[in-house]
Amino acid sequence: MRFVCSDVGLIVKNALESLGDDCVLLMSFDTNQDPKTTSDQYTKTGFSDLVLNALSVMNKQLQANFDPDAFMYECHWHGEDKRVDHCLVAQSKQTVTLDGRTYLFEKNEPLRVYYGKKRTVEDFSKIVRSVGGVVKRTFFDEQKFMCLAWIEKTRL
């Protein structure tokens, strides 16, 4: 599921409202914004295999007829809005049935599987503040690709 800026704020707001005053919300987000590193991050971590495997899972669980070998994983950086676009690209023209519906894929037609926004800690903190929260602490993985934010309600 893709969240836009206002959605993230709404999620944080609702979570903070449902938690007690002394509770903490932990929320993670992608931080890397370098196009080359972002693409390599997903390609080298096996993310492409995971996405391609989803076609086989859909075949089994949803009676689809994807040919996983007929799709290739691609990752594209959209710098203007700091998003990464993950697609499975049809390598040949094909017809796929899924849930009783038929879909035609032309050669080189993308099937978007993930379109994720990358954020700075400052941008994420601003969203959290706008809905009555505060980022008290942050934790990063070794490469600083992901951030886990410790969020509390703003105390008046």
N, C-alpha and C. Protein backbone atom coordinates (compact mmCIF):
# COMPACT_ATOMS: atom_id res chain seq x y z
N MET A 1 0.85 -1.17 0.00
CA MET A 1 0.00 0.00 0.00
C MET A 1 0.89 1.24 0.00
N ARG A 2 0.56 2.20 -0.78
CA ARG A 2 1.33 3.43 -0.86
C ARG A 2 0.68 4.50 -0.01
N PHE A 3 1.48 5.17 0.81
CA PHE A 3 0.97 6.25 1.64
C PHE A 3 1.52 7.57 1.13
N VAL A 4 0.70 8.58 1.05
CA VAL A 4 1.19 9.92 0.73
C VAL A 4 1.42 10.64 2.05
N CYS A 5 2.02 11.80 1.97
CA CYS A 5 2.40 12.53 3.18
C CYS A 5 1.26 12.66 4.17
N SER A 6 0.09 13.06 3.71
CA SER A 6 -1.04 13.24 4.63
C SER A 6 -1.48 11.91 5.23
N ASP A 7 -1.33 10.81 4.50
CA ASP A 7 -1.68 9.50 5.03
C ASP A 7 -0.77 9.13 6.20
N VAL A 8 0.53 9.39 6.07
CA VAL A 8 1.47 9.09 7.13
C VAL A 8 1.08 9.87 8.38
N GLY A 9 0.78 11.15 8.20
CA GLY A 9 0.35 11.97 9.33
C GLY A 9 -0.91 11.42 9.98
N LEU A 10 -1.86 10.98 9.17
CA LEU A 10 -3.11 10.44 9.70
C LEU A 10 -2.86 9.14 10.47
N ILE A 11 -2.00 8.30 9.95
CA ILE A 11 -1.67 7.05 10.63
C ILE A 11 -1.03 7.35 11.99
N VAL A 12 -0.08 8.26 12.02
CA VAL A 12 0.58 8.62 13.27
C VAL A 12 -0.43 9.24 14.23
N LYS A 13 -1.26 10.15 13.74
CA LYS A 13 -2.26 10.82 14.58
C LYS A 13 -3.21 9.79 15.22
N ASN A 14 -3.75 8.89 14.41
CA ASN A 14 -4.68 7.88 14.93
C ASN A 14 -4.01 6.95 15.94
N ALA A 15 -2.77 6.58 15.65
CA ALA A 15 -2.06 5.70 16.58
C ALA A 15 -1.80 6.41 17.91
N LEU A 16 -1.37 7.66 17.85
CA LEU A 16 -1.11 8.40 19.08
C LEU A 16 -2.39 8.62 19.89
N GLU A 17 -3.49 8.88 19.21
CA GLU A 17 -4.76 9.08 19.91
C GLU A 17 -5.25 7.81 20.59
N SER A 18 -4.93 6.66 20.01
CA SER A 18 -5.41 5.40 20.59
C SER A 18 -4.49 4.88 21.70
N LEU A 19 -3.27 5.42 21.78
CA LEU A 19 -2.33 4.99 22.81
C LEU A 19 -2.51 5.82 24.08
N GLY A 20 -2.14 5.26 25.20
CA GLY A 20 -2.16 6.00 26.45
C GLY A 20 -1.09 7.09 26.44
N ASP A 21 -1.16 7.97 27.43
CA ASP A 21 -0.23 9.10 27.48
C ASP A 21 1.22 8.69 27.62
N ASP A 22 1.50 7.56 28.24
CA ASP A 22 2.88 7.14 28.46
C ASP A 22 3.34 6.09 27.45
N CYS A 23 2.59 5.90 26.39
CA CYS A 23 2.94 4.90 25.38
C CYS A 23 3.84 5.51 24.31
N VAL A 24 4.51 4.63 23.61
CA VAL A 24 5.43 5.03 22.55
C VAL A 24 5.01 4.35 21.26
N LEU A 25 5.12 5.07 20.15
CA LEU A 25 4.86 4.51 18.82
C LEU A 25 6.19 4.34 18.12
N LEU A 26 6.46 3.15 17.60
CA LEU A 26 7.66 2.91 16.80
C LEU A 26 7.22 2.78 15.35
N MET A 27 7.84 3.55 14.48
CA MET A 27 7.47 3.52 13.07
C MET A 27 8.74 3.62 12.23
N SER A 28 8.80 2.80 11.19
CA SER A 28 10.00 2.82 10.34
C SER A 28 9.68 3.49 9.00
N PHE A 29 10.74 3.99 8.38
CA PHE A 29 10.61 4.59 7.05
C PHE A 29 11.94 4.50 6.32
N ASP A 30 11.88 4.55 4.99
CA ASP A 30 13.09 4.52 4.16
C ASP A 30 13.74 5.89 4.19
N THR A 31 15.07 5.91 4.32
CA THR A 31 15.78 7.18 4.40
C THR A 31 16.69 7.46 3.21
N ASN A 32 17.16 6.43 2.55
CA ASN A 32 18.14 6.63 1.49
C ASN A 32 17.54 7.40 0.32
N GLN A 33 18.27 8.40 -0.17
CA GLN A 33 17.76 9.19 -1.28
C GLN A 33 18.75 9.31 -2.43
N ASP A 34 19.77 8.48 -2.43
CA ASP A 34 20.74 8.48 -3.51
C ASP A 34 20.28 7.49 -4.58
N PRO A 35 20.08 7.96 -5.81
CA PRO A 35 19.52 7.08 -6.86
C PRO A 35 20.29 5.78 -7.07
N LYS A 36 21.61 5.83 -7.16
CA LYS A 36 22.40 4.63 -7.42
C LYS A 36 22.32 3.67 -6.24
N THR A 37 22.49 4.19 -5.04
CA THR A 37 22.45 3.34 -3.85
C THR A 37 21.08 2.74 -3.67
N THR A 38 20.03 3.52 -3.93
CA THR A 38 18.66 3.02 -3.78
C THR A 38 18.42 1.84 -4.70
N SER A 39 18.79 1.97 -5.96
CA SER A 39 18.60 0.89 -6.91
C SER A 39 19.39 -0.35 -6.51
N ASP A 40 20.66 -0.15 -6.15
CA ASP A 40 21.51 -1.27 -5.73
C ASP A 40 20.96 -1.94 -4.47
N GLN A 41 20.44 -1.14 -3.56
CA GLN A 41 19.91 -1.65 -2.29
C GLN A 41 18.85 -2.71 -2.55
N TYR A 42 17.93 -2.43 -3.43
CA TYR A 42 16.84 -3.37 -3.69
C TYR A 42 17.29 -4.53 -4.56
N THR A 43 18.19 -4.29 -5.50
CA THR A 43 18.64 -5.34 -6.40
C THR A 43 19.51 -6.36 -5.66
N LYS A 44 20.40 -5.88 -4.80
CA LYS A 44 21.35 -6.76 -4.13
C LYS A 44 20.78 -7.46 -2.90
N THR A 45 19.70 -6.99 -2.36
CA THR A 45 19.17 -7.59 -1.13
C THR A 45 18.20 -8.73 -1.39
N GLY A 46 17.97 -9.08 -2.64
CA GLY A 46 17.04 -10.15 -2.95
C GLY A 46 15.61 -9.67 -3.07
N PHE A 47 15.40 -8.36 -3.02
CA PHE A 47 14.05 -7.82 -3.15
C PHE A 47 13.45 -8.22 -4.50
N SER A 48 14.28 -8.22 -5.54
CA SER A 48 13.79 -8.60 -6.87
C SER A 48 13.27 -10.04 -6.87
N ASP A 49 13.98 -10.94 -6.20
CA ASP A 49 13.53 -12.34 -6.10
C ASP A 49 12.21 -12.44 -5.35
N LEU A 50 12.08 -11.65 -4.29
CA LEU A 50 10.86 -11.65 -3.50
C LEU A 50 9.67 -11.20 -4.36
N VAL A 51 9.85 -10.14 -5.12
CA VAL A 51 8.78 -9.61 -5.96
C VAL A 51 8.42 -10.61 -7.06
N LEU A 52 9.43 -11.19 -7.70
CA LEU A 52 9.15 -12.18 -8.75
C LEU A 52 8.46 -13.41 -8.18
N ASN A 53 8.81 -13.80 -6.96
CA ASN A 53 8.17 -14.94 -6.33
C ASN A 53 6.68 -14.68 -6.06
N ALA A 54 6.33 -13.41 -5.90
CA ALA A 54 4.92 -13.06 -5.66
C ALA A 54 4.04 -13.54 -6.82
N LEU A 55 4.59 -13.57 -8.03
CA LEU A 55 3.81 -14.06 -9.18
C LEU A 55 3.47 -15.54 -9.00
N SER A 56 4.42 -16.33 -8.52
CA SER A 56 4.17 -17.75 -8.28
C SER A 56 3.15 -17.94 -7.17
N VAL A 57 3.24 -17.11 -6.14
CA VAL A 57 2.28 -17.19 -5.03
C VAL A 57 0.87 -16.87 -5.55
N MET A 58 0.75 -15.83 -6.38
CA MET A 58 -0.56 -15.49 -6.96
C MET A 58 -1.08 -16.63 -7.82
N ASN A 59 -0.18 -17.28 -8.56
CA ASN A 59 -0.59 -18.43 -9.38
C ASN A 59 -1.22 -19.52 -8.50
N LYS A 60 -0.60 -19.80 -7.37
CA LYS A 60 -1.08 -20.87 -6.49
C LYS A 60 -2.34 -20.46 -5.72
N GLN A 61 -2.32 -19.24 -5.16
CA GLN A 61 -3.39 -18.86 -4.25
C GLN A 61 -4.57 -18.17 -4.92
N LEU A 62 -4.34 -17.58 -6.08
CA LEU A 62 -5.42 -16.85 -6.75
C LEU A 62 -5.76 -17.43 -8.12
N GLN A 63 -5.26 -18.63 -8.38
CA GLN A 63 -5.51 -19.31 -9.65
C GLN A 63 -5.13 -18.42 -10.85
N ALA A 64 -4.02 -17.72 -10.71
CA ALA A 64 -3.52 -16.89 -11.81
C ALA A 64 -2.63 -17.76 -12.70
N ASN A 65 -2.23 -17.20 -13.83
CA ASN A 65 -1.35 -17.96 -14.73
C ASN A 65 -0.18 -17.11 -15.21
N PHE A 66 0.41 -16.34 -14.29
CA PHE A 66 1.62 -15.59 -14.63
C PHE A 66 2.74 -16.55 -14.99
N ASP A 67 3.58 -16.15 -15.92
CA ASP A 67 4.81 -16.86 -16.20
C ASP A 67 5.93 -16.03 -15.58
N PRO A 68 6.40 -16.36 -14.38
CA PRO A 68 7.42 -15.54 -13.72
C PRO A 68 8.68 -15.34 -14.55
N ASP A 69 9.01 -16.32 -15.41
CA ASP A 69 10.20 -16.18 -16.25
C ASP A 69 10.00 -15.17 -17.37
N ALA A 70 8.76 -14.75 -17.60
CA ALA A 70 8.47 -13.80 -18.67
C ALA A 70 8.44 -12.36 -18.16
N PHE A 71 8.85 -12.16 -16.91
CA PHE A 71 8.91 -10.81 -16.33
C PHE A 71 10.32 -10.57 -15.80
N MET A 72 10.75 -9.33 -15.86
CA MET A 72 12.05 -8.93 -15.34
C MET A 72 11.85 -7.78 -14.34
N TYR A 73 12.55 -7.85 -13.24
CA TYR A 73 12.45 -6.81 -12.21
C TYR A 73 13.24 -5.57 -12.63
N GLU A 74 12.66 -4.40 -12.42
CA GLU A 74 13.35 -3.13 -12.64
C GLU A 74 13.02 -2.18 -11.49
N CYS A 75 13.99 -1.34 -11.17
CA CYS A 75 13.83 -0.36 -10.11
C CYS A 75 14.24 1.00 -10.68
N HIS A 76 13.39 2.02 -10.54
CA HIS A 76 13.66 3.35 -11.07
C HIS A 76 13.52 4.40 -9.99
N TRP A 77 14.42 5.35 -10.00
CA TRP A 77 14.40 6.46 -9.05
C TRP A 77 13.72 7.66 -9.69
N HIS A 78 12.78 8.28 -8.96
CA HIS A 78 12.10 9.50 -9.40
C HIS A 78 12.52 10.61 -8.44
N GLY A 79 13.57 11.29 -8.80
CA GLY A 79 14.18 12.29 -7.92
C GLY A 79 13.30 13.47 -7.58
N GLU A 80 12.41 13.87 -8.50
CA GLU A 80 11.59 15.05 -8.26
C GLU A 80 10.67 14.89 -7.06
N ASP A 81 10.20 13.67 -6.79
CA ASP A 81 9.36 13.47 -5.61
C ASP A 81 9.94 12.43 -4.65
N LYS A 82 11.23 12.10 -4.85
CA LYS A 82 11.97 11.21 -3.95
C LYS A 82 11.27 9.88 -3.74
N ARG A 83 10.89 9.26 -4.85
CA ARG A 83 10.22 7.95 -4.80
C ARG A 83 11.01 6.93 -5.62
N VAL A 84 10.88 5.70 -5.19
CA VAL A 84 11.47 4.60 -5.95
C VAL A 84 10.31 3.76 -6.49
N ASP A 85 10.41 3.41 -7.75
CA ASP A 85 9.35 2.69 -8.45
C ASP A 85 9.86 1.29 -8.77
N HIS A 86 9.19 0.27 -8.24
CA HIS A 86 9.56 -1.13 -8.49
C HIS A 86 8.54 -1.72 -9.45
N CYS A 87 9.04 -2.29 -10.54
CA CYS A 87 8.15 -2.86 -11.56
C CYS A 87 8.63 -4.25 -11.97
N LEU A 88 7.68 -5.04 -12.42
CA LEU A 88 7.98 -6.26 -13.15
C LEU A 88 7.62 -5.94 -14.59
N VAL A 89 8.57 -6.07 -15.48
CA VAL A 89 8.37 -5.69 -16.87
C VAL A 89 8.20 -6.93 -17.73
N ALA A 90 7.10 -6.96 -18.49
CA ALA A 90 6.83 -8.10 -19.37
C ALA A 90 7.90 -8.17 -20.46
N GLN A 91 8.50 -9.34 -20.61
CA GLN A 91 9.54 -9.52 -21.61
C GLN A 91 8.99 -9.97 -22.96
N SER A 92 7.70 -10.25 -22.97
CA SER A 92 7.02 -10.62 -24.21
C SER A 92 5.53 -10.32 -24.03
N LYS A 93 4.81 -10.26 -25.15
CA LYS A 93 3.37 -10.06 -25.08
C LYS A 93 2.75 -11.30 -24.45
N GLN A 94 1.83 -11.09 -23.51
CA GLN A 94 1.22 -12.23 -22.83
C GLN A 94 -0.13 -11.86 -22.24
N THR A 95 -0.94 -12.88 -22.08
CA THR A 95 -2.25 -12.73 -21.48
C THR A 95 -2.25 -13.47 -20.15
N VAL A 96 -2.71 -12.79 -19.10
CA VAL A 96 -2.71 -13.36 -17.75
C VAL A 96 -4.14 -13.33 -17.23
N THR A 97 -4.53 -14.44 -16.62
CA THR A 97 -5.84 -14.51 -15.97
C THR A 97 -5.61 -14.46 -14.47
N LEU A 98 -6.36 -13.60 -13.81
CA LEU A 98 -6.24 -13.43 -12.37
C LEU A 98 -7.63 -13.15 -11.82
N ASP A 99 -8.07 -13.98 -10.90
CA ASP A 99 -9.36 -13.80 -10.25
C ASP A 99 -10.50 -13.71 -11.28
N GLY A 100 -10.43 -14.53 -12.31
CA GLY A 100 -11.48 -14.58 -13.31
C GLY A 100 -11.43 -13.45 -14.34
N ARG A 101 -10.45 -12.58 -14.24
CA ARG A 101 -10.31 -11.47 -15.19
C ARG A 101 -9.07 -11.69 -16.05
N THR A 102 -9.13 -11.19 -17.26
CA THR A 102 -8.02 -11.35 -18.18
C THR A 102 -7.30 -10.02 -18.38
N TYR A 103 -5.98 -10.07 -18.32
CA TYR A 103 -5.15 -8.88 -18.49
C TYR A 103 -4.14 -9.14 -19.59
N LEU A 104 -4.01 -8.20 -20.50
CA LEU A 104 -3.05 -8.30 -21.59
C LEU A 104 -1.84 -7.43 -21.26
N PHE A 105 -0.67 -8.02 -21.30
CA PHE A 105 0.57 -7.28 -21.11
C PHE A 105 1.30 -7.23 -22.45
N GLU A 106 1.59 -6.03 -22.89
CA GLU A 106 2.40 -5.85 -24.09
C GLU A 106 3.87 -6.03 -23.71
N LYS A 107 4.70 -6.32 -24.68
CA LYS A 107 6.14 -6.43 -24.43
C LYS A 107 6.63 -5.10 -23.85
N ASN A 108 7.43 -5.18 -22.81
CA ASN A 108 8.01 -4.02 -22.10
C ASN A 108 7.00 -3.24 -21.26
N GLU A 109 5.80 -3.77 -21.10
CA GLU A 109 4.82 -3.09 -20.25
C GLU A 109 5.12 -3.39 -18.78
N PRO A 110 5.18 -2.34 -17.94
CA PRO A 110 5.48 -2.57 -16.53
C PRO A 110 4.25 -2.92 -15.71
N LEU A 111 4.46 -3.73 -14.72
CA LEU A 111 3.47 -4.04 -13.69
C LEU A 111 4.06 -3.46 -12.40
N ARG A 112 3.53 -2.33 -11.95
CA ARG A 112 4.08 -1.66 -10.76
C ARG A 112 3.73 -2.46 -9.52
N VAL A 113 4.75 -2.75 -8.70
CA VAL A 113 4.53 -3.53 -7.49
C VAL A 113 4.79 -2.72 -6.22
N TYR A 114 5.54 -1.65 -6.32
CA TYR A 114 5.82 -0.82 -5.14
C TYR A 114 6.29 0.54 -5.62
N TYR A 115 5.79 1.57 -4.98
CA TYR A 115 6.17 2.94 -5.31
C TYR A 115 6.35 3.65 -3.98
N GLY A 116 7.57 3.67 -3.48
CA GLY A 116 7.80 4.13 -2.11
C GLY A 116 8.54 5.44 -2.02
N LYS A 117 8.12 6.26 -1.09
CA LYS A 117 8.74 7.57 -0.85
C LYS A 117 9.88 7.43 0.15
N LYS A 118 10.97 8.11 -0.14
CA LYS A 118 12.12 8.18 0.75
C LYS A 118 12.03 9.51 1.50
N ARG A 119 12.35 9.48 2.78
CA ARG A 119 12.22 10.68 3.61
C ARG A 119 13.50 10.93 4.40
N THR A 120 13.73 12.21 4.71
CA THR A 120 14.77 12.55 5.67
C THR A 120 14.15 12.48 7.05
N VAL A 121 14.97 12.38 8.07
CA VAL A 121 14.46 12.38 9.45
C VAL A 121 13.74 13.70 9.71
N GLU A 122 14.28 14.80 9.17
CA GLU A 122 13.67 16.11 9.37
C GLU A 122 12.27 16.17 8.76
N ASP A 123 12.12 15.64 7.54
CA ASP A 123 10.80 15.64 6.88
C ASP A 123 9.81 14.78 7.66
N PHE A 124 10.25 13.60 8.09
CA PHE A 124 9.37 12.71 8.84
C PHE A 124 8.98 13.36 10.18
N SER A 125 9.95 13.97 10.85
CA SER A 125 9.68 14.63 12.14
C SER A 125 8.67 15.76 11.97
N LYS A 126 8.75 16.48 10.88
CA LYS A 126 7.81 17.58 10.61
C LYS A 126 6.38 17.04 10.48
N ILE A 127 6.22 15.92 9.80
CA ILE A 127 4.90 15.30 9.66
C ILE A 127 4.38 14.89 11.03
N VAL A 128 5.24 14.27 11.83
CA VAL A 128 4.85 13.82 13.17
C VAL A 128 4.45 15.02 14.04
N ARG A 129 5.23 16.10 13.99
CA ARG A 129 4.88 17.30 14.78
C ARG A 129 3.55 17.89 14.36
N SER A 130 3.24 17.81 13.07
CA SER A 130 2.00 18.42 12.56
C SER A 130 0.74 17.73 13.10
N VAL A 131 0.90 16.52 13.65
CA VAL A 131 -0.27 15.79 14.18
C VAL A 131 -0.17 15.56 15.69
N GLY A 132 0.69 16.34 16.36
CA GLY A 132 0.73 16.28 17.81
C GLY A 132 1.71 15.29 18.40
N GLY A 133 2.70 14.91 17.63
CA GLY A 133 3.70 13.98 18.14
C GLY A 133 5.09 14.58 18.07
N VAL A 134 6.04 13.85 18.61
CA VAL A 134 7.43 14.28 18.55
C VAL A 134 8.31 13.04 18.40
N VAL A 135 9.28 13.11 17.50
CA VAL A 135 10.26 12.04 17.32
C VAL A 135 11.32 12.25 18.39
N LYS A 136 11.36 11.36 19.39
CA LYS A 136 12.30 11.49 20.50
C LYS A 136 13.67 10.88 20.20
N ARG A 137 13.65 9.75 19.46
CA ARG A 137 14.91 9.06 19.15
C ARG A 137 14.78 8.42 17.78
N THR A 138 15.92 8.19 17.16
CA THR A 138 15.94 7.48 15.88
C THR A 138 17.04 6.42 15.91
N PHE A 139 16.78 5.32 15.23
CA PHE A 139 17.73 4.22 15.13
C PHE A 139 17.86 3.85 13.65
N PHE A 140 19.07 3.57 13.21
CA PHE A 140 19.32 3.28 11.80
C PHE A 140 19.98 1.92 11.61
N ASP A 141 19.79 1.34 10.43
CA ASP A 141 20.56 0.16 10.06
C ASP A 141 21.98 0.63 9.71
N GLU A 142 22.89 -0.30 9.47
CA GLU A 142 24.29 0.06 9.21
C GLU A 142 24.46 0.99 8.02
N GLN A 143 23.69 0.79 6.96
CA GLN A 143 23.82 1.60 5.75
C GLN A 143 23.00 2.89 5.81
N LYS A 144 22.20 3.04 6.85
CA LYS A 144 21.29 4.18 7.00
C LYS A 144 20.24 4.22 5.88
N PHE A 145 19.78 3.03 5.46
CA PHE A 145 18.70 2.93 4.48
C PHE A 145 17.34 3.04 5.16
N MET A 146 17.27 2.56 6.39
CA MET A 146 16.00 2.54 7.13
C MET A 146 16.19 3.25 8.47
N CYS A 147 15.12 3.88 8.90
CA CYS A 147 15.12 4.55 10.20
C CYS A 147 13.93 4.04 11.00
N LEU A 148 14.16 3.75 12.26
CA LEU A 148 13.09 3.41 13.19
C LEU A 148 12.95 4.63 14.12
N ALA A 149 11.78 5.23 14.09
CA ALA A 149 11.55 6.44 14.89
C ALA A 149 10.77 6.11 16.15
N TRP A 150 11.23 6.63 17.28
CA TRP A 150 10.57 6.53 18.58
C TRP A 150 9.71 7.78 18.69
N ILE A 151 8.38 7.61 18.68
CA ILE A 151 7.45 8.73 18.64
C ILE A 151 6.62 8.76 19.92
N GLU A 152 6.49 9.94 20.49
CA GLU A 152 5.65 10.14 21.66
C GLU A 152 4.67 11.27 21.38
N LYS A 153 3.61 11.32 22.18
CA LYS A 153 2.69 12.43 22.11
C LYS A 153 3.40 13.69 22.61
N THR A 154 3.07 14.82 22.00
CA THR A 154 3.61 16.09 22.48
C THR A 154 2.98 16.40 23.83
N ARG A 155 3.81 16.73 24.77
CA ARG A 155 3.31 17.07 26.11
C ARG A 155 3.04 18.58 26.17
N LEU A 156 1.87 18.94 26.63
CA LEU A 156 1.51 20.37 26.71
C LEU A 156 1.97 20.98 28.00
